[in-house]
Amino acid sequence: MRGLALAAALAALIPGAALAESVAERLNDYPTAARADYVFACMVTNGQTREMLDRCSCSIDEIASILSYEDYLAAETVLSMRRVGGERMSFFQNAAMAENIVADLRRAQAEAEVICF
């Protein structure tokens, strides 16, 4: 009887553990390299001090709490393609979908700037 109670208790814990893991994964879906790239670029722009390391790290954490990594990557891709130029890249300059993707990133960056800087 005691073994059944233990098995039932373990079974009840497993879905909760899986839920906690999926929440943690959802909140931290940015790869470490992507976060580091953002922090390095931010520090180049704002100064290479310990204070800027903290502020830039805060900034990418705030952006990650607002945008999924997939959305962040899409916005970064659009911005990168805009720098290339040429006729084929005009889609990234003018398309409403591309504008919306970049606008979402800009809003997240603005919110992060208010909080962290």
C-alpha atoms as a PDB file:
ATOM      1  CA  MET A   1       0.000   0.000   0.000  1.00  0.00           C
ATOM      2  CA  ARG A   2       2.824   2.354   0.889  1.00  0.00           C
ATOM      3  CA  GLY A   3       4.503   1.665  -2.474  1.00  0.00           C
ATOM      4  CA  LEU A   4       1.331   2.697  -4.304  1.00  0.00           C
ATOM      5  CA  ALA A   5       1.194   5.974  -2.406  1.00  0.00           C
ATOM      6  CA  LEU A   6       4.821   6.674  -3.249  1.00  0.00           C
ATOM      7  CA  ALA A   7       4.238   5.873  -6.921  1.00  0.00           C
ATOM      8  CA  ALA A   8       1.182   8.129  -7.008  1.00  0.00           C
ATOM      9  CA  ALA A   9       3.141  10.944  -5.385  1.00  0.00           C
ATOM     10  CA  LEU A  10       5.976  10.593  -7.906  1.00  0.00           C
ATOM     11  CA  ALA A  11       3.540  10.534 -10.819  1.00  0.00           C
ATOM     12  CA  ALA A  12       1.950  13.714  -9.540  1.00  0.00           C
ATOM     13  CA  LEU A  13       5.337  15.441  -9.394  1.00  0.00           C
ATOM     14  CA  ILE A  14       6.453  14.584 -12.912  1.00  0.00           C
ATOM     15  CA  PRO A  15       3.898  16.736 -14.802  1.00  0.00           C
ATOM     16  CA  GLY A  16       4.701  19.658 -12.503  1.00  0.00           C
ATOM     17  CA  ALA A  17       8.400  19.215 -13.120  1.00  0.00           C
ATOM     18  CA  ALA A  18       7.809  19.083 -16.867  1.00  0.00           C
ATOM     19  CA  LEU A  19       5.694  22.240 -16.656  1.00  0.00           C
ATOM     20  CA  ALA A  20       8.373  24.058 -14.658  1.00  0.00           C
ATOM     21  CA  GLU A  21      10.998  23.001 -17.179  1.00  0.00           C
ATOM     22  CA  SER A  22       8.946  24.240 -20.130  1.00  0.00           C
ATOM     23  CA  VAL A  23       8.360  27.603 -18.410  1.00  0.00           C
ATOM     24  CA  ALA A  24      12.075  27.909 -17.669  1.00  0.00           C
ATOM     25  CA  GLU A  25      12.945  26.989 -21.241  1.00  0.00           C
ATOM     26  CA  ARG A  26      10.410  29.486 -22.587  1.00  0.00           C
ATOM     27  CA  LEU A  27      11.841  32.283 -20.449  1.00  0.00           C
ATOM     28  CA  ASN A  28      15.432  31.438 -21.372  1.00  0.00           C
ATOM     29  CA  ASP A  29      15.207  30.446 -25.027  1.00  0.00           C
ATOM     30  CA  TYR A  30      18.010  32.758 -26.152  1.00  0.00           C
ATOM     31  CA  PRO A  31      21.305  30.932 -26.729  1.00  0.00           C
ATOM     32  CA  THR A  32      24.206  32.174 -24.645  1.00  0.00           C
ATOM     33  CA  ALA A  33      26.107  33.217 -27.784  1.00  0.00           C
ATOM     34  CA  ALA A  34      23.195  35.419 -28.905  1.00  0.00           C
ATOM     35  CA  ARG A  35      23.058  37.108 -25.514  1.00  0.00           C
ATOM     36  CA  ALA A  36      26.842  37.597 -25.534  1.00  0.00           C
ATOM     37  CA  ASP A  37      26.766  39.076 -29.059  1.00  0.00           C
ATOM     38  CA  TYR A  38      24.131  41.579 -27.957  1.00  0.00           C
ATOM     39  CA  VAL A  39      26.082  42.521 -24.830  1.00  0.00           C
ATOM     40  CA  PHE A  40      29.356  42.955 -26.770  1.00  0.00           C
ATOM     41  CA  ALA A  41      27.674  45.176 -29.381  1.00  0.00           C
ATOM     42  CA  CYS A  42      25.911  47.170 -26.680  1.00  0.00           C
ATOM     43  CA  MET A  43      29.172  47.727 -24.830  1.00  0.00           C
ATOM     44  CA  VAL A  44      30.954  48.842 -27.996  1.00  0.00           C
ATOM     45  CA  THR A  45      28.236  51.437 -28.467  1.00  0.00           C
ATOM     46  CA  ASN A  46      27.893  52.581 -24.840  1.00  0.00           C
ATOM     47  CA  GLY A  47      31.326  52.084 -23.320  1.00  0.00           C
ATOM     48  CA  GLN A  48      33.326  49.136 -22.124  1.00  0.00           C
ATOM     49  CA  THR A  49      32.884  49.491 -18.390  1.00  0.00           C
ATOM     50  CA  ARG A  50      31.585  47.197 -15.691  1.00  0.00           C
ATOM     51  CA  GLU A  51      28.506  49.405 -15.371  1.00  0.00           C
ATOM     52  CA  MET A  52      27.758  48.997 -19.092  1.00  0.00           C
ATOM     53  CA  LEU A  53      28.232  45.233 -18.812  1.00  0.00           C
ATOM     54  CA  ASP A  54      25.511  45.195 -16.167  1.00  0.00           C
ATOM     55  CA  ARG A  55      23.230  47.535 -18.109  1.00  0.00           C
ATOM     56  CA  CYS A  56      23.675  45.727 -21.416  1.00  0.00           C
ATOM     57  CA  SER A  57      23.077  42.359 -19.753  1.00  0.00           C
ATOM     58  CA  CYS A  58      19.936  43.760 -18.191  1.00  0.00           C
ATOM     59  CA  SER A  59      18.853  45.028 -21.602  1.00  0.00           C
ATOM     60  CA  ILE A  60      19.069  41.674 -23.381  1.00  0.00           C
ATOM     61  CA  ASP A  61      17.334  40.003 -20.434  1.00  0.00           C
ATOM     62  CA  GLU A  62      14.449  42.471 -20.748  1.00  0.00           C
ATOM     63  CA  ILE A  63      14.265  41.968 -24.515  1.00  0.00           C
ATOM     64  CA  ALA A  64      14.222  38.208 -23.978  1.00  0.00           C
ATOM     65  CA  SER A  65      11.326  38.571 -21.558  1.00  0.00           C
ATOM     66  CA  ILE A  66       9.341  40.435 -24.233  1.00  0.00           C
ATOM     67  CA  LEU A  67      10.306  38.699 -27.492  1.00  0.00           C
ATOM     68  CA  SER A  68      10.811  35.027 -28.180  1.00  0.00           C
ATOM     69  CA  TYR A  69      14.200  34.163 -29.618  1.00  0.00           C
ATOM     70  CA  GLU A  70      12.517  33.276 -32.897  1.00  0.00           C
ATOM     71  CA  ASP A  71      11.015  36.787 -33.144  1.00  0.00           C
ATOM     72  CA  TYR A  72      14.309  38.389 -32.112  1.00  0.00           C
ATOM     73  CA  LEU A  73      16.165  36.389 -34.748  1.00  0.00           C
ATOM     74  CA  ALA A  74      13.627  37.348 -37.429  1.00  0.00           C
ATOM     75  CA  ALA A  75      14.035  41.044 -36.586  1.00  0.00           C
ATOM     76  CA  GLU A  76      17.830  40.788 -36.593  1.00  0.00           C
ATOM     77  CA  THR A  77      17.655  39.032 -39.973  1.00  0.00           C
ATOM     78  CA  VAL A  78      15.485  41.789 -41.453  1.00  0.00           C
ATOM     79  CA  LEU A  79      17.858  44.463 -40.144  1.00  0.00           C
ATOM     80  CA  SER A  80      20.835  42.572 -41.532  1.00  0.00           C
ATOM     81  CA  MET A  81      19.213  42.158 -44.935  1.00  0.00           C
ATOM     82  CA  ARG A  82      18.392  45.872 -45.057  1.00  0.00           C
ATOM     83  CA  ARG A  83      22.105  46.633 -44.890  1.00  0.00           C
ATOM     84  CA  VAL A  84      22.847  44.486 -47.951  1.00  0.00           C
ATOM     85  CA  GLY A  85      20.921  46.548 -50.484  1.00  0.00           C
ATOM     86  CA  GLY A  86      20.063  45.644 -54.038  1.00  0.00           C
ATOM     87  CA  GLU A  87      16.830  44.908 -55.842  1.00  0.00           C
ATOM     88  CA  ARG A  88      16.292  41.525 -54.229  1.00  0.00           C
ATOM     89  CA  MET A  89      16.521  43.029 -50.782  1.00  0.00           C
ATOM     90  CA  SER A  90      13.836  45.656 -51.391  1.00  0.00           C
ATOM     91  CA  PHE A  91      11.302  43.336 -49.749  1.00  0.00           C
ATOM     92  CA  PHE A  92      13.076  43.867 -46.439  1.00  0.00           C
ATOM     93  CA  GLN A  93      12.945  47.637 -46.928  1.00  0.00           C
ATOM     94  CA  ASN A  94       9.275  48.040 -47.785  1.00  0.00           C
ATOM     95  CA  ALA A  95       7.180  45.060 -46.714  1.00  0.00           C
ATOM     96  CA  ALA A  96       4.678  45.663 -43.916  1.00  0.00           C
ATOM     97  CA  MET A  97       5.518  42.298 -42.375  1.00  0.00           C
ATOM     98  CA  ALA A  98       9.195  43.220 -42.166  1.00  0.00           C
ATOM     99  CA  GLU A  99       8.285  46.599 -40.679  1.00  0.00           C
ATOM    100  CA  ASN A 100       6.148  44.941 -37.995  1.00  0.00           C
ATOM    101  CA  ILE A 101       8.912  42.509 -37.084  1.00  0.00           C
ATOM    102  CA  VAL A 102      11.433  45.320 -36.657  1.00  0.00           C
ATOM    103  CA  ALA A 103       8.907  47.505 -34.818  1.00  0.00           C
ATOM    104  CA  ASP A 104       8.407  44.756 -32.227  1.00  0.00           C
ATOM    105  CA  LEU A 105      12.166  44.621 -31.643  1.00  0.00           C
ATOM    106  CA  ARG A 106      12.404  48.409 -31.407  1.00  0.00           C
ATOM    107  CA  ARG A 107       9.604  48.495 -28.809  1.00  0.00           C
ATOM    108  CA  ALA A 108      11.342  45.794 -26.769  1.00  0.00           C
ATOM    109  CA  GLN A 109      14.638  47.693 -26.987  1.00  0.00           C
ATOM    110  CA  ALA A 110      12.946  50.925 -25.898  1.00  0.00           C
ATOM    111  CA  GLU A 111      11.391  49.226 -22.903  1.00  0.00           C
ATOM    112  CA  ALA A 112      14.725  47.648 -22.005  1.00  0.00           C
ATOM    113  CA  GLU A 113      16.428  51.038 -22.264  1.00  0.00           C
ATOM    114  CA  VAL A 114      13.929  52.594 -19.871  1.00  0.00           C
ATOM    115  CA  ILE A 115      14.404  49.800 -17.350  1.00  0.00           C
ATOM    116  CA  CYS A 116      18.172  49.291 -17.648  1.00  0.00           C
ATOM    117  CA  PHE A 117      19.642  52.632 -18.608  1.00  0.00           C
END
